[in-house]
PDB file of all heavy atoms in Angstrom:
ATOM      1  N   LEU A   1      -0.556   2.138  -5.742  1.00  0.00           N
ATOM      2  CA  LEU A   1      -0.974   1.868  -4.367  1.00  0.00           C
ATOM      3  C   LEU A   1       0.223   1.487  -3.508  1.00  0.00           C
ATOM      4  O   LEU A   1       0.356   1.920  -2.356  1.00  0.00           O
ATOM      5  CB  LEU A   1      -2.022   0.750  -4.359  1.00  0.00           C
ATOM      6  CG  LEU A   1      -2.889   0.602  -3.095  1.00  0.00           C
ATOM      7  CD1 LEU A   1      -3.636   1.903  -2.804  1.00  0.00           C
ATOM      8  CD2 LEU A   1      -3.883  -0.540  -3.274  1.00  0.00           C
ATOM      9  N   HIS A   2       1.130   0.700  -4.063  1.00  0.00           N
ATOM     10  CA  HIS A   2       2.356   0.325  -3.354  1.00  0.00           C
ATOM     11  C   HIS A   2       3.225   1.552  -3.095  1.00  0.00           C
ATOM     12  O   HIS A   2       3.837   1.678  -2.020  1.00  0.00           O
ATOM     13  CB  HIS A   2       3.145  -0.704  -4.173  1.00  0.00           C
ATOM     14  CG  HIS A   2       2.721  -2.114  -3.936  1.00  0.00           C
ATOM     15  ND1 HIS A   2       3.216  -2.875  -2.909  1.00  0.00           N
ATOM     16  CD2 HIS A   2       1.826  -2.901  -4.600  1.00  0.00           C
ATOM     17  CE1 HIS A   2       2.663  -4.074  -2.942  1.00  0.00           C
ATOM     18  NE2 HIS A   2       1.814  -4.118  -3.962  1.00  0.00           N
ATOM     19  N   ALA A   3       3.288   2.462  -4.073  1.00  0.00           N
ATOM     20  CA  ALA A   3       4.118   3.662  -3.910  1.00  0.00           C
ATOM     21  C   ALA A   3       3.581   4.552  -2.794  1.00  0.00           C
ATOM     22  O   ALA A   3       4.350   5.111  -2.002  1.00  0.00           O
ATOM     23  CB  ALA A   3       4.175   4.433  -5.231  1.00  0.00           C
ATOM     24  N   VAL A   4       2.251   4.684  -2.729  1.00  0.00           N
ATOM     25  CA  VAL A   4       1.649   5.503  -1.675  1.00  0.00           C
ATOM     26  C   VAL A   4       1.897   4.875  -0.310  1.00  0.00           C
ATOM     27  O   VAL A   4       2.268   5.562   0.654  1.00  0.00           O
ATOM     28  CB  VAL A   4       0.140   5.674  -1.917  1.00  0.00           C
ATOM     29  CG1 VAL A   4      -0.516   6.398  -0.748  1.00  0.00           C
ATOM     30  CG2 VAL A   4      -0.113   6.446  -3.205  1.00  0.00           C
ATOM     31  N   SER A   5       1.695   3.572  -0.196  1.00  0.00           N
ATOM     32  CA  SER A   5       1.877   2.900   1.092  1.00  0.00           C
ATOM     33  C   SER A   5       3.338   2.894   1.527  1.00  0.00           C
ATOM     34  O   SER A   5       3.637   2.935   2.724  1.00  0.00           O
ATOM     35  CB  SER A   5       1.355   1.462   1.022  1.00  0.00           C
ATOM     36  OG  SER A   5       2.148   0.676   0.156  1.00  0.00           O
ATOM     37  N   ALA A   6       4.264   2.870   0.555  1.00  0.00           N
ATOM     38  CA  ALA A   6       5.691   2.850   0.889  1.00  0.00           C
ATOM     39  C   ALA A   6       6.106   4.107   1.634  1.00  0.00           C
ATOM     40  O   ALA A   6       7.030   4.082   2.449  1.00  0.00           O
ATOM     41  CB  ALA A   6       6.521   2.687  -0.377  1.00  0.00           C
ATOM     42  N   ARG A   7       5.409   5.225   1.371  1.00  0.00           N
ATOM     43  CA  ARG A   7       5.747   6.461   2.060  1.00  0.00           C
ATOM     44  C   ARG A   7       5.311   6.448   3.515  1.00  0.00           C
ATOM     45  O   ARG A   7       5.747   7.275   4.305  1.00  0.00           O
ATOM     46  CB  ARG A   7       5.110   7.652   1.325  1.00  0.00           C
ATOM     47  CG  ARG A   7       5.746   7.923  -0.029  1.00  0.00           C
ATOM     48  CD  ARG A   7       5.327   9.274  -0.560  1.00  0.00           C
ATOM     49  NE  ARG A   7       3.938   9.286  -1.010  1.00  0.00           N
ATOM     50  CZ  ARG A   7       3.557   9.013  -2.256  1.00  0.00           C
ATOM     51  NH1 ARG A   7       4.466   8.679  -3.157  1.00  0.00           N
ATOM     52  NH2 ARG A   7       2.292   9.051  -2.589  1.00  0.00           N
ATOM     53  N   LEU A   8       4.426   5.491   3.844  1.00  0.00           N
ATOM     54  CA  LEU A   8       3.976   5.374   5.226  1.00  0.00           C
ATOM     55  C   LEU A   8       4.711   4.273   5.985  1.00  0.00           C
ATOM     56  O   LEU A   8       5.015   4.419   7.162  1.00  0.00           O
ATOM     57  CB  LEU A   8       2.470   5.095   5.277  1.00  0.00           C
ATOM     58  CG  LEU A   8       1.565   6.250   4.868  1.00  0.00           C
ATOM     59  CD1 LEU A   8       0.112   5.797   4.875  1.00  0.00           C
ATOM     60  CD2 LEU A   8       1.732   7.414   5.822  1.00  0.00           C
ATOM     61  N   ILE A   9       4.983   3.160   5.313  1.00  0.00           N
ATOM     62  CA  ILE A   9       5.591   2.024   6.013  1.00  0.00           C
ATOM     63  C   ILE A   9       7.077   1.905   5.701  1.00  0.00           C
ATOM     64  O   ILE A   9       7.746   1.003   6.181  1.00  0.00           O
ATOM     65  CB  ILE A   9       4.881   0.699   5.642  1.00  0.00           C
ATOM     66  CG1 ILE A   9       5.027   0.405   4.145  1.00  0.00           C
ATOM     67  CG2 ILE A   9       3.425   0.755   6.025  1.00  0.00           C
ATOM     68  CD1 ILE A   9       4.379  -0.907   3.729  1.00  0.00           C
ATOM     69  N   GLY A  10       7.586   2.837   4.873  1.00  0.00           N
ATOM     70  CA  GLY A  10       8.999   2.782   4.507  1.00  0.00           C
ATOM     71  C   GLY A  10       9.866   3.661   5.385  1.00  0.00           C
ATOM     72  O   GLY A  10       9.475   4.100   6.472  1.00  0.00           O
ATOM     73  N   ALA A  11      11.046   3.963   4.891  1.00  0.00           N
ATOM     74  CA  ALA A  11      12.058   4.666   5.684  1.00  0.00           C
ATOM     75  C   ALA A  11      11.795   6.161   5.790  1.00  0.00           C
ATOM     76  O   ALA A  11      12.439   6.840   6.590  1.00  0.00           O
ATOM     77  CB  ALA A  11      13.431   4.430   5.066  1.00  0.00           C
ATOM     78  N   GLU A  12      10.864   6.708   4.994  1.00  0.00           N
ATOM     79  CA  GLU A  12      10.641   8.146   5.031  1.00  0.00           C
ATOM     80  C   GLU A  12      10.037   8.598   6.347  1.00  0.00           C
ATOM     81  O   GLU A  12      10.207   9.732   6.764  1.00  0.00           O
ATOM     82  CB  GLU A  12       9.707   8.568   3.881  1.00  0.00           C
ATOM     83  CG  GLU A  12      10.343   8.432   2.506  1.00  0.00           C
ATOM     84  CD  GLU A  12       9.428   8.985   1.425  1.00  0.00           C
ATOM     85  OE1 GLU A  12       8.573   9.819   1.761  1.00  0.00           O
ATOM     86  OE2 GLU A  12       9.566   8.590   0.268  1.00  0.00           O
ATOM     87  N   PHE A  13       9.297   7.691   7.007  1.00  0.00           N
ATOM     88  CA  PHE A  13       8.652   8.050   8.250  1.00  0.00           C
ATOM     89  C   PHE A  13       9.420   7.486   9.430  1.00  0.00           C
ATOM     90  O   PHE A  13       9.947   6.387   9.373  1.00  0.00           O
ATOM     91  CB  PHE A  13       7.203   7.525   8.297  1.00  0.00           C
ATOM     92  CG  PHE A  13       6.243   8.381   7.547  1.00  0.00           C
ATOM     93  CD1 PHE A  13       6.144   8.271   6.177  1.00  0.00           C
ATOM     94  CD2 PHE A  13       5.456   9.297   8.200  1.00  0.00           C
ATOM     95  CE1 PHE A  13       5.261   9.048   5.473  1.00  0.00           C
ATOM     96  CE2 PHE A  13       4.563  10.083   7.506  1.00  0.00           C
ATOM     97  CZ  PHE A  13       4.467   9.962   6.133  1.00  0.00           C
ATOM     98  N   THR A  14       9.475   8.251  10.495  1.00  0.00           N
ATOM     99  CA  THR A  14      10.089   7.760  11.715  1.00  0.00           C
ATOM    100  C   THR A  14       9.105   6.841  12.427  1.00  0.00           C
ATOM    101  O   THR A  14       7.973   6.645  11.998  1.00  0.00           O
ATOM    102  CB  THR A  14      10.446   8.939  12.635  1.00  0.00           C
ATOM    103  OG1 THR A  14       9.249   9.647  12.967  1.00  0.00           O
ATOM    104  CG2 THR A  14      11.417   9.875  11.963  1.00  0.00           C
ATOM    105  N   ARG A  15       9.548   6.291  13.538  1.00  0.00           N
ATOM    106  CA  ARG A  15       8.692   5.384  14.301  1.00  0.00           C
ATOM    107  C   ARG A  15       7.430   6.105  14.783  1.00  0.00           C
ATOM    108  O   ARG A  15       6.362   5.523  14.875  1.00  0.00           O
ATOM    109  CB  ARG A  15       9.474   4.836  15.501  1.00  0.00           C
ATOM    110  CG  ARG A  15       8.765   3.737  16.256  1.00  0.00           C
ATOM    111  CD  ARG A  15       9.686   3.148  17.325  1.00  0.00           C
ATOM    112  NE  ARG A  15       9.041   2.036  17.999  1.00  0.00           N
ATOM    113  CZ  ARG A  15       8.236   2.174  19.036  1.00  0.00           C
ATOM    114  NH1 ARG A  15       7.982   3.374  19.510  1.00  0.00           N
ATOM    115  NH2 ARG A  15       7.677   1.113  19.607  1.00  0.00           N
ATOM    116  N   LYS A  16       7.546   7.367  15.067  1.00  0.00           N
ATOM    117  CA  LYS A  16       6.401   8.178  15.489  1.00  0.00           C
ATOM    118  C   LYS A  16       6.112   9.204  14.413  1.00  0.00           C
ATOM    119  O   LYS A  16       6.895  10.129  14.190  1.00  0.00           O
ATOM    120  CB  LYS A  16       6.725   8.881  16.809  1.00  0.00           C
ATOM    121  CG  LYS A  16       5.598   9.755  17.338  1.00  0.00           C
ATOM    122  CD  LYS A  16       4.610   8.936  18.119  1.00  0.00           C
ATOM    123  CE  LYS A  16       3.598   9.864  18.810  1.00  0.00           C
ATOM    124  NZ  LYS A  16       2.517   9.119  19.447  1.00  0.00           N
ATOM    125  N   ILE A  17       5.024   9.060  13.697  1.00  0.00           N
ATOM    126  CA  ILE A  17       4.701   9.997  12.624  1.00  0.00           C
ATOM    127  C   ILE A  17       4.397  11.360  13.232  1.00  0.00           C
ATOM    128  O   ILE A  17       3.715  11.474  14.238  1.00  0.00           O
ATOM    129  CB  ILE A  17       3.506   9.475  11.815  1.00  0.00           C
ATOM    130  CG1 ILE A  17       3.895   8.193  11.084  1.00  0.00           C
ATOM    131  CG2 ILE A  17       3.029  10.512  10.817  1.00  0.00           C
ATOM    132  CD1 ILE A  17       2.793   7.573  10.303  1.00  0.00           C
ATOM    133  N   SER A  18       4.897  12.412  12.596  1.00  0.00           N
ATOM    134  CA  SER A  18       4.781  13.755  13.144  1.00  0.00           C
ATOM    135  C   SER A  18       3.337  14.255  13.065  1.00  0.00           C
ATOM    136  O   SER A  18       2.523  13.783  12.279  1.00  0.00           O
ATOM    137  CB  SER A  18       5.692  14.718  12.390  1.00  0.00           C
ATOM    138  OG  SER A  18       5.213  14.899  11.067  1.00  0.00           O
ATOM    139  N   PHE A  19       3.051  15.264  13.897  1.00  0.00           N
ATOM    140  CA  PHE A  19       1.734  15.887  13.919  1.00  0.00           C
ATOM    141  C   PHE A  19       1.414  16.525  12.566  1.00  0.00           C
ATOM    142  O   PHE A  19       0.285  16.476  12.086  1.00  0.00           O
ATOM    143  CB  PHE A  19       1.690  16.929  15.038  1.00  0.00           C
ATOM    144  CG  PHE A  19       0.354  17.601  15.190  1.00  0.00           C
ATOM    145  CD1 PHE A  19      -0.653  17.010  15.915  1.00  0.00           C
ATOM    146  CD2 PHE A  19       0.116  18.835  14.605  1.00  0.00           C
ATOM    147  CE1 PHE A  19      -1.891  17.631  16.062  1.00  0.00           C
ATOM    148  CE2 PHE A  19      -1.106  19.467  14.742  1.00  0.00           C
ATOM    149  CZ  PHE A  19      -2.106  18.861  15.478  1.00  0.00           C
ATOM    150  N   GLY A  20       2.435  17.133  11.945  1.00  0.00           N
ATOM    151  CA  GLY A  20       2.224  17.777  10.653  1.00  0.00           C
ATOM    152  C   GLY A  20       1.839  16.796   9.564  1.00  0.00           C
ATOM    153  O   GLY A  20       0.941  17.064   8.762  1.00  0.00           O
ATOM    154  N   HIS A  21       2.518  15.639   9.508  1.00  0.00           N
ATOM    155  CA  HIS A  21       2.162  14.613   8.526  1.00  0.00           C
ATOM    156  C   HIS A  21       0.739  14.112   8.751  1.00  0.00           C
ATOM    157  O   HIS A  21      -0.014  13.867   7.800  1.00  0.00           O
ATOM    158  CB  HIS A  21       3.142  13.439   8.615  1.00  0.00           C
ATOM    159  CG  HIS A  21       4.419  13.667   7.879  1.00  0.00           C
ATOM    160  ND1 HIS A  21       5.654  13.585   8.490  1.00  0.00           N
ATOM    161  CD2 HIS A  21       4.672  13.982   6.587  1.00  0.00           C
ATOM    162  CE1 HIS A  21       6.597  13.830   7.602  1.00  0.00           C
ATOM    163  NE2 HIS A  21       6.028  14.077   6.448  1.00  0.00           N
ATOM    164  N   SER A  22       0.387  13.929  10.009  1.00  0.00           N
ATOM    165  CA  SER A  22      -0.961  13.457  10.327  1.00  0.00           C
ATOM    166  C   SER A  22      -2.006  14.443   9.843  1.00  0.00           C
ATOM    167  O   SER A  22      -3.017  14.059   9.237  1.00  0.00           O
ATOM    168  CB  SER A  22      -1.105  13.245  11.836  1.00  0.00           C
ATOM    169  OG  SER A  22      -0.307  12.178  12.278  1.00  0.00           O
ATOM    170  N   LEU A  23      -1.781  15.722  10.115  1.00  0.00           N
ATOM    171  CA  LEU A  23      -2.747  16.737   9.721  1.00  0.00           C
ATOM    172  C   LEU A  23      -2.874  16.843   8.208  1.00  0.00           C
ATOM    173  O   LEU A  23      -3.976  16.989   7.673  1.00  0.00           O
ATOM    174  CB  LEU A  23      -2.344  18.086  10.315  1.00  0.00           C
ATOM    175  CG  LEU A  23      -3.320  19.250  10.098  1.00  0.00           C
ATOM    176  CD1 LEU A  23      -4.661  18.922  10.730  1.00  0.00           C
ATOM    177  CD2 LEU A  23      -2.753  20.534  10.692  1.00  0.00           C
ATOM    178  N   SER A  24      -1.755  16.759   7.488  1.00  0.00           N
ATOM    179  CA  SER A  24      -1.805  16.888   6.030  1.00  0.00           C
ATOM    180  C   SER A  24      -2.592  15.748   5.386  1.00  0.00           C
ATOM    181  O   SER A  24      -3.256  15.943   4.373  1.00  0.00           O
ATOM    182  CB  SER A  24      -0.389  16.927   5.455  1.00  0.00           C
ATOM    183  OG  SER A  24       0.268  15.679   5.622  1.00  0.00           O
ATOM    184  N   TRP A  25      -2.542  14.549   6.005  1.00  0.00           N
ATOM    185  CA  TRP A  25      -3.263  13.423   5.429  1.00  0.00           C
ATOM    186  C   TRP A  25      -4.772  13.547   5.600  1.00  0.00           C
ATOM    187  O   TRP A  25      -5.532  12.861   4.919  1.00  0.00           O
ATOM    188  CB  TRP A  25      -2.768  12.101   6.036  1.00  0.00           C
ATOM    189  CG  TRP A  25      -1.915  11.343   5.081  1.00  0.00           C
ATOM    190  CD1 TRP A  25      -0.590  11.508   4.847  1.00  0.00           C
ATOM    191  CD2 TRP A  25      -2.347  10.308   4.196  1.00  0.00           C
ATOM    192  NE1 TRP A  25      -0.167  10.647   3.880  1.00  0.00           N
ATOM    193  CE2 TRP A  25      -1.222   9.890   3.454  1.00  0.00           C
ATOM    194  CE3 TRP A  25      -3.571   9.687   3.949  1.00  0.00           C
ATOM    195  CZ2 TRP A  25      -1.281   8.893   2.504  1.00  0.00           C
ATOM    196  CZ3 TRP A  25      -3.635   8.688   2.991  1.00  0.00           C
ATOM    197  CH2 TRP A  25      -2.500   8.302   2.286  1.00  0.00           C
ATOM    198  N   SER A  26      -5.216  14.415   6.471  1.00  0.00           N
ATOM    199  CA  SER A  26      -6.650  14.664   6.592  1.00  0.00           C
ATOM    200  C   SER A  26      -7.214  15.221   5.290  1.00  0.00           C
ATOM    201  O   SER A  26      -8.380  15.010   4.952  1.00  0.00           O
ATOM    202  CB  SER A  26      -6.926  15.648   7.735  1.00  0.00           C
ATOM    203  OG  SER A  26      -6.481  15.128   8.959  1.00  0.00           O
ATOM    204  N   TYR A  27      -6.378  15.944   4.554  1.00  0.00           N
ATOM    205  CA  TYR A  27      -6.798  16.514   3.276  1.00  0.00           C
ATOM    206  C   TYR A  27      -6.336  15.649   2.099  1.00  0.00           C
ATOM    207  O   TYR A  27      -7.071  15.493   1.115  1.00  0.00           O
ATOM    208  CB  TYR A  27      -6.227  17.932   3.137  1.00  0.00           C
ATOM    209  CG  TYR A  27      -6.561  18.826   4.303  1.00  0.00           C
ATOM    210  CD1 TYR A  27      -5.641  19.044   5.328  1.00  0.00           C
ATOM    211  CD2 TYR A  27      -7.805  19.434   4.404  1.00  0.00           C
ATOM    212  CE1 TYR A  27      -5.949  19.867   6.408  1.00  0.00           C
ATOM    213  CE2 TYR A  27      -8.126  20.253   5.480  1.00  0.00           C
ATOM    214  CZ  TYR A  27      -7.194  20.462   6.473  1.00  0.00           C
ATOM    215  OH  TYR A  27      -7.501  21.255   7.546  1.00  0.00           O
ATOM    216  N   ARG A  28      -5.134  15.103   2.188  1.00  0.00           N
ATOM    217  CA  ARG A  28      -4.584  14.314   1.084  1.00  0.00           C
ATOM    218  C   ARG A  28      -5.352  13.025   0.853  1.00  0.00           C
ATOM    219  O   ARG A  28      -5.357  12.502  -0.262  1.00  0.00           O
ATOM    220  CB  ARG A  28      -3.120  13.992   1.363  1.00  0.00           C
ATOM    221  CG  ARG A  28      -2.189  15.185   1.257  1.00  0.00           C
ATOM    222  CD  ARG A  28      -0.783  14.782   1.631  1.00  0.00           C
ATOM    223  NE  ARG A  28      -0.331  13.645   0.856  1.00  0.00           N
ATOM    224  CZ  ARG A  28       0.636  12.822   1.249  1.00  0.00           C
ATOM    225  NH1 ARG A  28       1.229  13.010   2.417  1.00  0.00           N
ATOM    226  NH2 ARG A  28       1.008  11.817   0.485  1.00  0.00           N
ATOM    227  N   TYR A  29      -5.992  12.489   1.899  1.00  0.00           N
ATOM    228  CA  TYR A  29      -6.699  11.220   1.769  1.00  0.00           C
ATOM    229  C   TYR A  29      -7.692  11.252   0.616  1.00  0.00           C
ATOM    230  O   TYR A  29      -7.740  10.338  -0.202  1.00  0.00           O
ATOM    231  CB  TYR A  29      -7.422  10.895   3.079  1.00  0.00           C
ATOM    232  CG  TYR A  29      -8.476   9.826   2.949  1.00  0.00           C
ATOM    233  CD1 TYR A  29      -8.121   8.479   2.884  1.00  0.00           C
ATOM    234  CD2 TYR A  29      -9.822  10.154   2.880  1.00  0.00           C
ATOM    235  CE1 TYR A  29      -9.086   7.497   2.759  1.00  0.00           C
ATOM    236  CE2 TYR A  29     -10.793   9.177   2.754  1.00  0.00           C
ATOM    237  CZ  TYR A  29     -10.422   7.859   2.696  1.00  0.00           C
ATOM    238  OH  TYR A  29     -11.373   6.883   2.564  1.00  0.00           O
ATOM    239  N   TYR A  30      -8.503  12.292   0.535  1.00  0.00           N
ATOM    240  CA  TYR A  30      -9.532  12.381  -0.505  1.00  0.00           C
ATOM    241  C   TYR A  30      -8.908  12.528  -1.891  1.00  0.00           C
ATOM    242  O   TYR A  30      -9.440  11.987  -2.874  1.00  0.00           O
ATOM    243  CB  TYR A  30     -10.472  13.545  -0.197  1.00  0.00           C
ATOM    244  CG  TYR A  30     -11.189  13.391   1.115  1.00  0.00           C
ATOM    245  CD1 TYR A  30     -10.764  14.067   2.250  1.00  0.00           C
ATOM    246  CD2 TYR A  30     -12.289  12.533   1.225  1.00  0.00           C
ATOM    247  CE1 TYR A  30     -11.413  13.915   3.472  1.00  0.00           C
ATOM    248  CE2 TYR A  30     -12.940  12.376   2.437  1.00  0.00           C
ATOM    249  CZ  TYR A  30     -12.498  13.060   3.553  1.00  0.00           C
ATOM    250  OH  TYR A  30     -13.133  12.892   4.759  1.00  0.00           O
ATOM    251  N   LEU A  31      -7.799  13.251  -1.977  1.00  0.00           N
ATOM    252  CA  LEU A  31      -7.118  13.400  -3.267  1.00  0.00           C
ATOM    253  C   LEU A  31      -6.522  12.074  -3.721  1.00  0.00           C
ATOM    254  O   LEU A  31      -6.615  11.714  -4.901  1.00  0.00           O
ATOM    255  CB  LEU A  31      -6.028  14.466  -3.161  1.00  0.00           C
ATOM    256  CG  LEU A  31      -6.501  15.889  -2.850  1.00  0.00           C
ATOM    257  CD1 LEU A  31      -5.307  16.821  -2.700  1.00  0.00           C
ATOM    258  CD2 LEU A  31      -7.448  16.381  -3.943  1.00  0.00           C
ATOM    259  N   VAL A  32      -5.915  11.346  -2.790  1.00  0.00           N
ATOM    260  CA  VAL A  32      -5.344  10.030  -3.122  1.00  0.00           C
ATOM    261  C   VAL A  32      -6.437   9.071  -3.545  1.00  0.00           C
ATOM    262  O   VAL A  32      -6.298   8.336  -4.535  1.00  0.00           O
ATOM    263  CB  VAL A  32      -4.563   9.467  -1.922  1.00  0.00           C
ATOM    264  CG1 VAL A  32      -4.144   8.019  -2.175  1.00  0.00           C
ATOM    265  CG2 VAL A  32      -3.326  10.308  -1.642  1.00  0.00           C
ATOM    266  N   ARG A  33      -7.541   9.086  -2.800  1.00  0.00           N
ATOM    267  CA  ARG A  33      -8.655   8.183  -3.131  1.00  0.00           C
ATOM    268  C   ARG A  33      -9.221   8.495  -4.514  1.00  0.00           C
ATOM    269  O   ARG A  33      -9.516   7.588  -5.292  1.00  0.00           O
ATOM    270  CB  ARG A  33      -9.740   8.330  -2.057  1.00  0.00           C
ATOM    271  CG  ARG A  33     -10.908   7.390  -2.212  1.00  0.00           C
ATOM    272  CD  ARG A  33     -10.513   5.962  -1.925  1.00  0.00           C
ATOM    273  NE  ARG A  33     -11.592   5.054  -2.266  1.00  0.00           N
ATOM    274  CZ  ARG A  33     -11.747   4.493  -3.440  1.00  0.00           C
ATOM    275  NH1 ARG A  33     -10.878   4.751  -4.418  1.00  0.00           N
ATOM    276  NH2 ARG A  33     -12.743   3.661  -3.665  1.00  0.00           N
ATOM    277  N   LEU A  34      -9.363   9.776  -4.847  1.00  0.00           N
ATOM    278  CA  LEU A  34      -9.882  10.178  -6.158  1.00  0.00           C
ATOM    279  C   LEU A  34      -8.909   9.782  -7.256  1.00  0.00           C
ATOM    280  O   LEU A  34      -9.328   9.284  -8.320  1.00  0.00           O
ATOM    281  CB  LEU A  34     -10.135  11.684  -6.172  1.00  0.00           C
ATOM    282  CG  LEU A  34     -10.610  12.271  -7.510  1.00  0.00           C
ATOM    283  CD1 LEU A  34     -11.951  11.666  -7.912  1.00  0.00           C
ATOM    284  CD2 LEU A  34     -10.720  13.796  -7.404  1.00  0.00           C
ATOM    285  N   ARG A  35      -7.599   9.998  -7.037  1.00  0.00           N
ATOM    286  CA  ARG A  35      -6.609   9.652  -8.058  1.00  0.00           C
ATOM    287  C   ARG A  35      -6.614   8.150  -8.347  1.00  0.00           C
ATOM    288  O   ARG A  35      -6.540   7.732  -9.510  1.00  0.00           O
ATOM    289  CB  ARG A  35      -5.212  10.093  -7.594  1.00  0.00           C
ATOM    290  CG  ARG A  35      -4.160   9.903  -8.680  1.00  0.00           C
ATOM    291  CD  ARG A  35      -2.834  10.515  -8.317  1.00  0.00           C
ATOM    292  NE  ARG A  35      -2.098   9.711  -7.350  1.00  0.00           N
ATOM    293  CZ  ARG A  35      -1.874  10.048  -6.100  1.00  0.00           C
ATOM    294  NH1 ARG A  35      -2.341  11.204  -5.626  1.00  0.00           N
ATOM    295  NH2 ARG A  35      -1.178   9.277  -5.286  1.00  0.00           N
ATOM    296  N   LEU A  36      -6.734   7.342  -7.310  1.00  0.00           N
ATOM    297  CA  LEU A  36      -6.773   5.892  -7.513  1.00  0.00           C
ATOM    298  C   LEU A  36      -8.056   5.467  -8.229  1.00  0.00           C
ATOM    299  O   LEU A  36      -8.034   4.566  -9.077  1.00  0.00           O
ATOM    300  CB  LEU A  36      -6.663   5.176  -6.166  1.00  0.00           C
ATOM    301  CG  LEU A  36      -5.299   5.279  -5.473  1.00  0.00           C
ATOM    302  CD1 LEU A  36      -5.369   4.672  -4.086  1.00  0.00           C
ATOM    303  CD2 LEU A  36      -4.222   4.589  -6.306  1.00  0.00           C
ATOM    304  N   TYR A  37      -9.157   6.122  -7.885  1.00  0.00           N
ATOM    305  CA  TYR A  37     -10.424   5.801  -8.554  1.00  0.00           C
ATOM    306  C   TYR A  37     -10.329   6.095 -10.045  1.00  0.00           C
ATOM    307  O   TYR A  37     -10.755   5.281 -10.882  1.00  0.00           O
ATOM    308  CB  TYR A  37     -11.548   6.616  -7.916  1.00  0.00           C
ATOM    309  CG  TYR A  37     -12.879   6.498  -8.612  1.00  0.00           C
ATOM    310  CD1 TYR A  37     -13.686   5.378  -8.435  1.00  0.00           C
ATOM    311  CD2 TYR A  37     -13.327   7.505  -9.466  1.00  0.00           C
ATOM    312  CE1 TYR A  37     -14.910   5.272  -9.083  1.00  0.00           C
ATOM    313  CE2 TYR A  37     -14.549   7.412 -10.121  1.00  0.00           C
ATOM    314  CZ  TYR A  37     -15.335   6.292  -9.924  1.00  0.00           C
ATOM    315  OH  TYR A  37     -16.541   6.190 -10.575  1.00  0.00           O
ATOM    316  N   LEU A  38      -9.775   7.245 -10.401  1.00  0.00           N
ATOM    317  CA  LEU A  38      -9.629   7.600 -11.819  1.00  0.00           C
ATOM    318  C   LEU A  38      -8.645   6.663 -12.517  1.00  0.00           C
ATOM    319  O   LEU A  38      -8.854   6.285 -13.681  1.00  0.00           O
ATOM    320  CB  LEU A  38      -9.154   9.049 -11.941  1.00  0.00           C
ATOM    321  CG  LEU A  38     -10.132  10.119 -11.452  1.00  0.00           C
ATOM    322  CD1 LEU A  38      -9.488  11.505 -11.519  1.00  0.00           C
ATOM    323  CD2 LEU A  38     -11.424  10.085 -12.256  1.00  0.00           C
TER     324      LEU A  38
END
């Protein structure tokens, strides 16, 4: 969970998250949630 959040609040993201990153998380959210549940 810390590793996933680090990609959002860490240095990989700029101050303004790009449109492409935002769109990709619309699909990745369910995969991340399922992986954590398992």
